[in-house]
Amino acid sequence: MNASVEIPFRVRFSWGLGSLGTISYLNVVTALVLVYLTTVMKIEPGVAGLLVFAARIFDAFSDPVMGWITDRTKTRWGRRRPYLLLGAIVCAVSLPLVYAQHHLIGVFDPVPVALAALVFYSLGFTIFNVPYLTMPVEMTADRMQRLGIMGYRSVFMMIGSVVGSAVAPLIVEKLGRQNPDSYQTLGAIYGAWVFLIMMATFLGTGGARATEIDETSQRVPLREQIGAVLGNRPFMMMVGIKVLQFVALSASGATTAFFVVMVLKHDFSLMSKLASATIVSTVAFIPFFRWIGRYVTKRTGLAIGIVGEIFATLTWLLATPEDSDAFFIARGILAGIFSSAILLYGQAMWLDTIDYDRERTGLRREGMYTSIYVFIERLGYSLGPLLLGELLQLMHFDKNLPLDKQPTTAELAVTLSLVGIPALAYGLGLLFLWFYRLPDDLGRTTSDRAAA
C-alpha cells in the first residue's frame, strides 16, 4: 500500500461520520435504559444492571467472531463495507424495540423480554462497529493521515455523545418523563437517525482503499494468531487503558440521569446543558491537541488528558442543588477539554499498535486486532451499568418511588458511581500507560515521535 496517497476528503468525512451513528446508538441507551428498566418496567436495579451487563458480554464475545468473518469476506464492496449496510438495518430496527418493551408488561415476564431486546441491540452494534473500526488501517499506512482521520472521528464521536446523552433526555423530558410512550417515541426517532447516518457512511466510503484477503494470515492457526496478538505488548497496554476508560465512561454515562434528578434535584434538561458544554469544548480543543502533538509524544498527550479528566471528575463531589447552572456547565467544559486529548491520542496510539504488528510479522490482521480490542472494550463498557445497578440495589433504591423521592442512601450510591468509579478507573489507566512503549519511539526526538 502506498502510504503517500492522500485519502479523499469524502472518504475521511464519511468514515468519521460513522461514529456519529455508533455513539448516538450507544449513548441513547447508556443514558436512559436503566431509568427505563427500573422506573417503567419496574425491574429491580440490581437485575436491570445485570441484564445490561449480560447483553454487553454477548456483544464482547460476538466481536471476535465478527472480526474473523470480515477478515475472510471477499465481495466487490470489499471485506468490511457489506457489513456496514447490514449493521445499519439491524441497528435501525433494534432501537425502537429496546424502548417499546412496556407494551408487553402483563403478557410476558419483563426480564427475558428486556434481555432479548438488549441482546439484539448489541448484535446490531457488533455487525456495524467491528468492520467500521478496521477500515482506517487499510486506508493508509501513514500514521499522520491516521491521526487526521481520528480527528474527524473524535469530532463526530462528541457530537454523537450530545445527540445520545443530551438531546435524548431532553426529548423524554418534553414528552413527559413519567409517560412510558415517551421512551417509545424516542426509540423510533433514534432508529431512523442512526440508519440515515450509517447508510451515509456505507455510501460515502465507496472507493476507499481496502486490502485483499491475506492468504498467509489465513493459514496461520487461530491459536497462534491470538498468541501473537497477546505478545504485542504496546497493544496489550492500550487494551488495559481502554478497558478502564470505558469502565469510567459507562459508569458516568449510566449514572448521569440518576445524579441530575436524585442529587442535584434538577430535571433531564440539565443533562442537555452539561453534554452541550462538553461537546463544544471537546471540538474546540481538538485542533489545539493536534498542534501539541507536534511537540510531545502521543503517550504524553494521553497522560495529560487522563490526569485532567480525573480532576474534572472529582469536582462533582463539591456540587450541590443550590449551585447555579454556570458551575455545572463549567465542569462540563473542563471535562470536554481533557476528553479531546484522550480521544485523539488514544485512538491514534491504538492504530499504531496494530501497524506495529504488521511491521513485526508481515501479516495483516486488522480484523482480529479490532475484534479483540472491541471485545475487551465491551467488557469494560459492560461494568458501569452493572456496578451502578448493584450499588442502587445495595443502598435501597426503590423502583416504586420517583427518582426525586429516593432515600439518601441511594443518592450516595449514585455519587459513588458518578465520581468514585471513574476516578479510580482513570487512575489505574495511568499505570498501564506508564508501561506503554513502541520500539520506534525509542531514541528519537519528541517531534519525530509525535509525527510517527
Protein backbone atom coordinates (compact mmCIF):
# COMPACT_ATOMS: atom_id res chain seq x y z
CA MET A 1 0.00 0.00 0.00
CA ASN A 2 1.30 3.43 -0.91
CA ALA A 3 1.39 5.41 2.31
CA SER A 4 1.84 8.73 0.48
CA VAL A 5 -1.56 8.67 -1.29
CA GLU A 6 -3.90 11.23 0.28
CA ILE A 7 -7.21 9.83 1.47
CA PRO A 8 -10.01 11.77 -0.29
CA PHE A 9 -11.97 14.21 1.85
CA ARG A 10 -15.22 12.41 1.02
CA VAL A 11 -13.87 9.15 2.44
CA ARG A 12 -12.35 10.77 5.54
CA PHE A 13 -15.54 12.67 6.30
CA SER A 14 -17.87 9.76 5.58
CA TRP A 15 -15.85 7.34 7.68
CA GLY A 16 -15.69 9.78 10.59
CA LEU A 17 -19.44 10.36 10.24
CA GLY A 18 -19.99 6.72 11.14
CA SER A 19 -19.05 7.50 14.74
CA LEU A 20 -21.96 9.93 14.91
CA GLY A 21 -24.20 6.93 14.29
CA THR A 22 -22.45 4.46 16.59
CA ILE A 23 -22.07 6.86 19.53
CA SER A 24 -25.66 8.12 19.18
CA TYR A 25 -26.72 4.47 19.15
CA LEU A 26 -24.69 3.66 22.25
CA ASN A 27 -25.47 6.74 24.30
CA VAL A 28 -29.23 6.87 23.78
CA VAL A 29 -29.33 3.51 25.56
CA THR A 30 -26.49 4.11 28.02
CA ALA A 31 -28.05 7.36 29.24
CA LEU A 32 -31.60 6.15 29.84
CA VAL A 33 -32.00 2.38 29.69
CA LEU A 34 -31.50 1.80 33.43
CA VAL A 35 -34.00 4.55 34.20
CA TYR A 36 -36.43 2.91 31.76
CA LEU A 37 -35.93 -0.60 33.10
CA THR A 38 -36.30 0.42 36.76
CA THR A 39 -38.97 3.14 36.69
CA VAL A 40 -41.07 1.99 33.69
CA MET A 41 -40.51 -1.77 33.50
CA LYS A 42 -40.30 -1.97 37.34
CA ILE A 43 -37.28 -4.28 37.26
CA GLU A 44 -35.11 -4.26 40.38
CA PRO A 45 -31.96 -2.13 39.78
CA GLY A 46 -29.56 -5.00 40.51
CA VAL A 47 -31.34 -7.20 37.96
CA ALA A 48 -31.54 -4.34 35.43
CA GLY A 49 -27.81 -3.71 35.72
CA LEU A 50 -27.15 -7.42 35.28
CA LEU A 51 -29.30 -7.50 32.12
CA VAL A 52 -27.34 -4.66 30.53
CA PHE A 53 -24.11 -6.37 31.59
CA ALA A 54 -25.19 -9.70 30.07
CA ALA A 55 -26.13 -8.10 26.75
CA ARG A 56 -22.78 -6.35 26.52
CA ILE A 57 -20.93 -9.55 27.41
CA PHE A 58 -22.73 -11.16 24.48
CA ASP A 59 -21.55 -8.22 22.40
CA ALA A 60 -17.99 -8.77 23.62
CA PHE A 61 -17.96 -12.45 22.66
CA SER A 62 -19.56 -11.82 19.27
CA ASP A 63 -16.94 -9.20 18.31
CA PRO A 64 -14.02 -11.62 17.67
CA VAL A 65 -16.35 -13.79 15.59
CA MET A 66 -17.33 -10.73 13.56
CA GLY A 67 -13.68 -9.83 13.01
CA TRP A 68 -12.92 -13.37 11.87
CA ILE A 69 -15.86 -13.24 9.44
CA THR A 70 -14.87 -9.89 7.92
CA ASP A 71 -11.24 -10.97 7.51
CA ARG A 72 -12.45 -13.84 5.33
CA THR A 73 -15.09 -11.97 3.36
CA LYS A 74 -14.49 -11.23 -0.31
CA THR A 75 -17.03 -9.12 -2.25
CA ARG A 76 -16.99 -6.39 -4.86
CA TRP A 77 -17.57 -3.96 -1.98
CA GLY A 78 -14.51 -5.21 -0.12
CA ARG A 79 -14.19 -7.09 3.15
CA ARG A 80 -15.74 -4.55 5.51
CA ARG A 81 -18.35 -2.39 3.78
CA PRO A 82 -21.10 -5.01 3.24
CA TYR A 83 -21.42 -5.28 6.99
CA LEU A 84 -21.89 -1.53 7.33
CA LEU A 85 -25.07 -1.92 5.29
CA LEU A 86 -26.30 -4.93 7.26
CA GLY A 87 -25.44 -3.29 10.58
CA ALA A 88 -27.34 -0.13 9.65
CA ILE A 89 -30.51 -2.16 9.09
CA VAL A 90 -30.24 -4.15 12.33
CA CYS A 91 -29.46 -1.03 14.38
CA ALA A 92 -32.45 0.80 12.91
CA VAL A 93 -34.80 -1.99 13.98
CA SER A 94 -33.32 -2.69 17.41
CA LEU A 95 -33.56 0.78 18.98
CA PRO A 96 -37.37 1.02 18.81
CA LEU A 97 -37.58 -2.48 20.30
CA VAL A 98 -35.48 -1.53 23.34
CA TYR A 99 -37.85 1.27 24.35
CA ALA A 100 -41.17 -0.39 23.44
CA GLN A 101 -40.96 -3.28 25.91
CA HIS A 102 -43.55 -1.79 28.28
CA HIS A 103 -46.34 -2.84 25.91
CA LEU A 104 -45.58 -6.44 26.87
CA ILE A 105 -45.97 -5.86 30.62
CA GLY A 106 -48.56 -8.33 31.89
CA VAL A 107 -48.13 -10.55 28.82
CA PHE A 108 -44.57 -11.79 29.31
CA ASP A 109 -42.06 -11.74 32.14
CA PRO A 110 -40.24 -8.39 31.71
CA VAL A 111 -36.79 -9.81 32.49
CA PRO A 112 -36.39 -12.18 29.46
CA VAL A 113 -38.10 -9.63 27.22
CA ALA A 114 -35.60 -6.97 28.26
CA LEU A 115 -32.68 -9.37 27.82
CA ALA A 116 -33.79 -10.36 24.30
CA ALA A 117 -34.20 -6.73 23.22
CA LEU A 118 -30.80 -5.75 24.62
CA VAL A 119 -29.02 -8.72 23.01
CA PHE A 120 -30.50 -7.85 19.61
CA TYR A 121 -29.43 -4.24 20.16
CA SER A 122 -25.87 -5.38 20.95
CA LEU A 123 -25.78 -7.58 17.85
CA GLY A 124 -26.53 -4.60 15.62
CA PHE A 125 -23.65 -2.67 17.13
CA THR A 126 -21.24 -5.58 16.60
CA ILE A 127 -22.16 -6.04 12.94
CA PHE A 128 -21.50 -2.39 12.12
CA ASN A 129 -18.74 -1.41 14.52
CA VAL A 130 -16.12 -4.16 14.10
CA PRO A 131 -15.61 -3.72 10.33
CA TYR A 132 -16.04 0.05 10.69
CA LEU A 133 -13.15 0.39 13.13
CA THR A 134 -10.90 -1.80 10.98
CA MET A 135 -11.13 0.37 7.87
CA PRO A 136 -8.58 3.16 8.70
CA VAL A 137 -5.67 0.72 8.97
CA GLU A 138 -6.46 -0.45 5.43
CA MET A 139 -6.95 3.07 4.04
CA THR A 140 -3.38 4.21 4.65
CA ALA A 141 -0.10 3.22 6.33
CA ASP A 142 0.72 6.89 7.02
CA ARG A 143 0.34 7.49 10.75
CA MET A 144 -0.15 11.24 10.42
CA GLN A 145 -3.02 10.64 7.98
CA ARG A 146 -4.50 8.28 10.53
CA LEU A 147 -4.20 10.95 13.19
CA GLY A 148 -6.14 13.25 10.85
CA ILE A 149 -8.80 10.57 10.31
CA MET A 150 -9.10 10.16 14.06
CA GLY A 151 -9.67 13.90 14.30
CA TYR A 152 -12.82 13.53 12.19
CA ARG A 153 -13.91 10.58 14.29
CA SER A 154 -13.26 12.44 17.54
CA VAL A 155 -15.46 15.34 16.45
CA PHE A 156 -18.32 13.09 15.36
CA MET A 157 -18.00 10.97 18.50
CA MET A 158 -18.58 14.02 20.65
CA ILE A 159 -21.49 15.20 18.51
CA GLY A 160 -22.91 11.70 18.87
CA SER A 161 -22.46 11.99 22.62
CA VAL A 162 -24.60 15.12 22.63
CA VAL A 163 -27.23 13.57 20.37
CA GLY A 164 -27.42 10.49 22.57
CA SER A 165 -26.70 11.85 26.03
CA ALA A 166 -28.19 15.36 25.81
CA VAL A 167 -30.88 15.51 23.15
CA ALA A 168 -32.41 12.14 24.07
CA PRO A 169 -33.12 13.02 27.73
CA LEU A 170 -34.48 16.39 26.61
CA ILE A 171 -36.93 14.65 24.26
CA VAL A 172 -38.13 12.38 27.07
CA GLU A 173 -38.46 15.34 29.44
CA LYS A 174 -40.51 17.34 26.93
CA LEU A 175 -42.78 14.38 26.11
CA GLY A 176 -43.19 13.50 29.78
CA ARG A 177 -40.67 11.58 31.84
CA GLN A 178 -43.44 9.65 33.62
CA ASN A 179 -45.10 8.64 30.33
CA PRO A 180 -43.78 5.26 29.06
CA ASP A 181 -44.70 6.12 25.46
CA SER A 182 -42.18 8.97 25.57
CA TYR A 183 -39.45 6.34 25.50
CA GLN A 184 -41.12 4.52 22.61
CA THR A 185 -41.16 7.74 20.56
CA LEU A 186 -37.52 8.27 21.45
CA GLY A 187 -36.60 4.81 20.16
CA ALA A 188 -38.39 5.38 16.85
CA ILE A 189 -36.69 8.75 16.30
CA TYR A 190 -33.24 7.39 17.01
CA GLY A 191 -33.75 4.24 14.98
CA ALA A 192 -34.36 6.39 11.90
CA TRP A 193 -31.47 8.71 12.79
CA VAL A 194 -28.78 6.03 13.11
CA PHE A 195 -29.99 4.33 9.93
CA LEU A 196 -29.50 7.53 7.90
CA ILE A 197 -26.05 8.18 9.38
CA MET A 198 -24.79 4.63 8.96
CA MET A 199 -26.09 4.46 5.40
CA ALA A 200 -24.25 7.70 4.62
CA THR A 201 -21.06 6.08 5.92
CA PHE A 202 -21.63 2.98 3.80
CA LEU A 203 -22.24 5.02 0.64
CA GLY A 204 -19.56 7.65 1.29
CA THR A 205 -16.72 5.18 1.84
CA GLY A 206 -17.20 3.58 -1.56
CA GLY A 207 -13.84 3.50 -3.32
CA ALA A 208 -11.83 3.63 -0.08
CA ARG A 209 -8.59 1.65 -0.17
CA ALA A 210 -9.04 -1.86 1.16
CA THR A 211 -6.68 -4.82 1.39
CA GLU A 212 -7.42 -8.18 -0.12
CA ILE A 213 -7.61 -11.34 1.96
CA ASP A 214 -4.18 -12.21 3.34
CA GLU A 215 -3.85 -15.88 2.47
CA THR A 216 -0.73 -16.21 4.62
CA SER A 217 -2.65 -14.94 7.62
CA GLN A 218 -5.44 -17.39 6.86
CA ARG A 219 -3.03 -20.34 7.01
CA VAL A 220 -1.78 -19.35 10.47
CA PRO A 221 -3.78 -21.25 13.13
CA LEU A 222 -6.13 -19.12 15.18
CA ARG A 223 -4.34 -20.01 18.42
CA GLU A 224 -1.02 -18.80 17.01
CA GLN A 225 -2.59 -15.56 15.80
CA ILE A 226 -4.07 -14.87 19.23
CA GLY A 227 -0.71 -15.69 20.82
CA ALA A 228 0.98 -13.16 18.55
CA VAL A 229 -1.58 -10.53 19.49
CA LEU A 230 -1.06 -11.18 23.20
CA GLY A 231 2.68 -10.84 22.60
CA ASN A 232 2.20 -7.34 21.19
CA ARG A 233 2.99 -5.52 24.45
CA PRO A 234 2.04 -1.99 23.29
CA PHE A 235 -1.34 -3.27 22.13
CA MET A 236 -1.99 -5.03 25.43
CA MET A 237 -1.14 -1.88 27.37
CA MET A 238 -3.62 0.05 25.22
CA VAL A 239 -6.21 -2.65 25.92
CA GLY A 240 -5.81 -2.03 29.64
CA ILE A 241 -6.09 1.73 29.19
CA LYS A 242 -9.19 1.48 27.02
CA VAL A 243 -10.93 -1.06 29.25
CA LEU A 244 -10.56 1.24 32.24
CA GLN A 245 -11.52 4.30 30.19
CA PHE A 246 -14.75 2.62 29.16
CA VAL A 247 -15.48 1.50 32.71
CA ALA A 248 -15.27 5.18 33.64
CA LEU A 249 -17.37 6.33 30.69
CA SER A 250 -20.05 3.69 31.16
CA ALA A 251 -20.33 4.37 34.89
CA SER A 252 -20.71 8.12 34.43
CA GLY A 253 -22.95 7.73 31.38
CA ALA A 254 -25.33 5.34 33.11
CA THR A 255 -25.39 7.44 36.29
CA THR A 256 -25.86 10.99 35.00
CA ALA A 257 -29.66 10.81 34.69
CA PHE A 258 -29.94 9.50 38.25
CA PHE A 259 -27.42 12.05 39.59
CA VAL A 260 -29.10 15.04 37.96
CA VAL A 261 -32.54 14.21 39.40
CA MET A 262 -31.69 12.50 42.69
CA VAL A 263 -28.66 14.51 43.89
CA LEU A 264 -28.82 17.86 42.07
CA LYS A 265 -32.66 17.99 42.16
CA HIS A 266 -32.93 19.11 38.51
CA ASP A 267 -34.78 17.59 35.58
CA PHE A 268 -33.31 15.90 32.49
CA SER A 269 -32.81 19.26 30.75
CA LEU A 270 -29.65 19.80 32.82
CA MET A 271 -28.16 16.75 31.08
CA SER A 272 -28.57 18.61 27.80
CA LYS A 273 -26.67 21.62 29.12
CA LEU A 274 -23.86 19.50 30.53
CA ALA A 275 -23.39 17.44 27.39
CA SER A 276 -23.55 20.53 25.15
CA ALA A 277 -20.83 22.19 27.21
CA THR A 278 -18.71 19.07 26.93
CA ILE A 279 -19.07 18.75 23.15
CA VAL A 280 -18.30 22.40 22.45
CA SER A 281 -15.10 22.32 24.50
CA THR A 282 -14.05 18.95 23.12
CA VAL A 283 -14.42 20.00 19.50
CA ALA A 284 -12.81 23.37 20.18
CA PHE A 285 -9.70 21.80 21.72
CA ILE A 286 -9.04 19.03 19.18
CA PRO A 287 -7.02 21.40 16.92
CA PHE A 288 -5.10 22.53 19.98
CA PHE A 289 -4.12 18.98 20.93
CA ARG A 290 -3.25 18.16 17.31
CA TRP A 291 -0.86 21.11 17.44
CA ILE A 292 0.51 19.93 20.80
CA GLY A 293 1.08 16.52 19.18
CA ARG A 294 3.87 18.04 17.09
CA TYR A 295 5.91 18.69 20.21
CA VAL A 296 5.05 15.89 22.64
CA THR A 297 4.55 12.16 22.23
CA LYS A 298 1.06 10.79 21.91
CA ARG A 299 1.76 8.94 25.15
CA THR A 300 2.43 12.21 26.97
CA GLY A 301 -0.64 13.80 25.42
CA LEU A 302 -2.80 10.92 26.61
CA ALA A 303 -1.38 11.23 30.13
CA ILE A 304 -2.31 14.92 30.20
CA GLY A 305 -5.85 14.04 29.19
CA ILE A 306 -6.26 11.31 31.81
CA VAL A 307 -4.92 13.39 34.71
CA GLY A 308 -7.13 16.30 33.72
CA GLU A 309 -10.18 14.06 33.47
CA ILE A 310 -9.58 12.73 36.99
CA PHE A 311 -9.53 16.30 38.31
CA ALA A 312 -12.70 17.24 36.42
CA THR A 313 -14.49 14.15 37.77
CA LEU A 314 -13.56 14.83 41.40
CA THR A 315 -15.03 18.35 41.24
CA TRP A 316 -18.52 16.80 41.25
CA LEU A 317 -18.01 15.98 44.93
CA LEU A 318 -18.45 19.70 45.60
CA ALA A 319 -21.70 20.04 43.61
CA THR A 320 -24.92 20.91 45.47
CA PRO A 321 -28.52 21.57 44.38
CA GLU A 322 -28.04 25.25 45.28
CA ASP A 323 -25.23 25.75 42.74
CA SER A 324 -26.04 27.80 39.67
CA ASP A 325 -26.11 26.16 36.25
CA ALA A 326 -22.91 28.05 35.42
CA PHE A 327 -20.94 25.90 37.87
CA PHE A 328 -22.34 22.72 36.34
CA ILE A 329 -21.57 23.92 32.81
CA ALA A 330 -18.01 24.85 33.83
CA ARG A 331 -17.47 21.24 34.89
CA GLY A 332 -18.74 20.05 31.53
CA ILE A 333 -16.33 22.37 29.73
CA LEU A 334 -13.40 21.17 31.82
CA ALA A 335 -14.23 17.52 31.17
CA GLY A 336 -14.56 18.20 27.45
CA ILE A 337 -11.13 19.81 27.20
CA PHE A 338 -9.38 16.73 28.52
CA SER A 339 -11.69 14.33 26.69
CA SER A 340 -10.40 15.72 23.40
CA ALA A 341 -6.85 14.69 24.34
CA ILE A 342 -7.95 11.21 25.41
CA LEU A 343 -9.94 10.65 22.22
CA LEU A 344 -7.34 11.99 19.80
CA TYR A 345 -4.18 10.45 21.21
CA GLY A 346 -5.80 7.25 22.44
CA GLN A 347 -7.29 6.33 19.06
CA ALA A 348 -4.08 7.18 17.19
CA MET A 349 -1.97 5.08 19.59
CA TRP A 350 -4.31 2.12 19.17
CA LEU A 351 -3.85 2.22 15.37
CA ASP A 352 -0.08 2.47 15.83
CA THR A 353 -0.05 -0.77 17.84
CA ILE A 354 -1.89 -2.60 15.04
CA ASP A 355 0.56 -1.24 12.48
CA TYR A 356 3.43 -2.37 14.71
CA ASP A 357 2.21 -5.97 14.40
CA ARG A 358 2.21 -5.75 10.60
CA GLU A 359 5.75 -4.35 10.60
CA ARG A 360 6.86 -7.03 13.04
CA THR A 361 5.26 -10.08 11.38
CA GLY A 362 4.43 -9.07 7.82
CA LEU A 363 0.85 -10.29 8.33
CA ARG A 364 -2.32 -8.23 8.03
CA ARG A 365 -4.61 -9.00 10.97
CA GLU A 366 -6.57 -5.78 11.29
CA GLY A 367 -9.87 -7.57 11.76
CA MET A 368 -8.57 -9.75 14.55
CA TYR A 369 -6.93 -6.81 16.32
CA THR A 370 -10.06 -4.72 16.02
CA SER A 371 -12.31 -7.50 17.27
CA ILE A 372 -10.06 -8.28 20.26
CA TYR A 373 -9.87 -4.60 21.12
CA VAL A 374 -13.64 -4.19 20.86
CA PHE A 375 -14.14 -7.44 22.81
CA ILE A 376 -12.22 -6.16 25.82
CA GLU A 377 -13.65 -2.67 25.35
CA ARG A 378 -17.14 -4.15 25.66
CA LEU A 379 -16.09 -5.95 28.83
CA GLY A 380 -15.11 -2.62 30.31
CA TYR A 381 -18.18 -0.85 29.00
CA SER A 382 -20.46 -3.51 30.49
CA LEU A 383 -19.23 -2.95 34.04
CA GLY A 384 -20.60 0.58 34.55
CA PRO A 385 -24.32 -0.32 34.47
CA LEU A 386 -23.64 -3.48 36.47
CA LEU A 387 -21.82 -1.57 39.22
CA LEU A 388 -24.48 1.16 39.30
CA GLY A 389 -27.31 -1.37 39.48
CA GLU A 390 -25.68 -3.30 42.29
CA LEU A 391 -24.90 -0.11 44.23
CA LEU A 392 -28.51 1.05 43.91
CA GLN A 393 -29.78 -2.36 44.99
CA LEU A 394 -27.39 -2.48 47.95
CA MET A 395 -28.22 1.05 49.07
CA HIS A 396 -32.01 0.73 48.97
CA PHE A 397 -33.14 2.30 45.69
CA ASP A 398 -36.93 1.89 45.50
CA LYS A 399 -38.22 1.14 41.97
CA ASN A 400 -41.72 2.22 43.02
CA LEU A 401 -40.67 5.74 44.05
CA PRO A 402 -39.97 8.66 41.68
CA LEU A 403 -36.29 9.46 41.19
CA ASP A 404 -36.55 12.68 43.20
CA LYS A 405 -38.07 10.84 46.20
CA GLN A 406 -35.35 8.24 46.72
CA PRO A 407 -33.63 7.74 50.13
CA THR A 408 -30.30 9.42 50.90
CA THR A 409 -28.51 6.08 50.80
CA ALA A 410 -29.49 5.72 47.13
CA GLU A 411 -28.20 9.25 46.50
CA LEU A 412 -24.84 8.19 47.96
CA ALA A 413 -24.78 5.18 45.63
CA VAL A 414 -25.30 7.47 42.65
CA THR A 415 -22.46 9.77 43.76
CA LEU A 416 -20.10 6.81 44.19
CA SER A 417 -20.94 5.64 40.67
CA LEU A 418 -20.54 9.07 39.06
CA VAL A 419 -17.33 10.11 40.84
CA GLY A 420 -15.62 7.23 42.62
CA ILE A 421 -15.68 4.61 39.88
CA PRO A 422 -14.47 6.90 37.04
CA ALA A 423 -11.70 8.50 39.12
CA LEU A 424 -10.38 5.10 40.20
CA ALA A 425 -10.58 3.67 36.67
CA TYR A 426 -8.72 6.59 35.10
CA GLY A 427 -6.08 6.40 37.83
CA LEU A 428 -5.45 2.71 37.14
CA GLY A 429 -5.23 3.53 33.43
CA LEU A 430 -2.18 5.68 34.14
CA LEU A 431 -0.37 2.55 35.37
CA PHE A 432 -0.88 0.85 32.01
CA LEU A 433 0.22 4.00 30.21
CA TRP A 434 3.45 4.01 32.22
CA PHE A 435 4.42 0.66 30.67
CA TYR A 436 3.32 1.56 27.12
CA ARG A 437 6.27 1.68 24.70
CA LEU A 438 6.64 1.31 20.97
CA PRO A 439 10.17 0.38 19.82
CA ASP A 440 10.19 3.10 17.17
CA ASP A 441 9.52 5.67 19.90
CA LEU A 442 12.89 5.00 21.49
CA GLY A 443 15.87 7.15 20.72
CA ARG A 444 14.00 9.72 18.66
CA THR A 445 13.17 13.36 19.21
CA THR A 446 9.87 14.41 20.70
CA SER A 447 8.60 15.93 17.47
CA ASP A 448 9.62 12.83 15.49
CA ARG A 449 7.69 10.61 17.85
CA ALA A 450 4.61 12.78 17.59
CA ALA A 451 4.78 12.64 13.80
CA ALA A 452 5.18 8.85 13.73
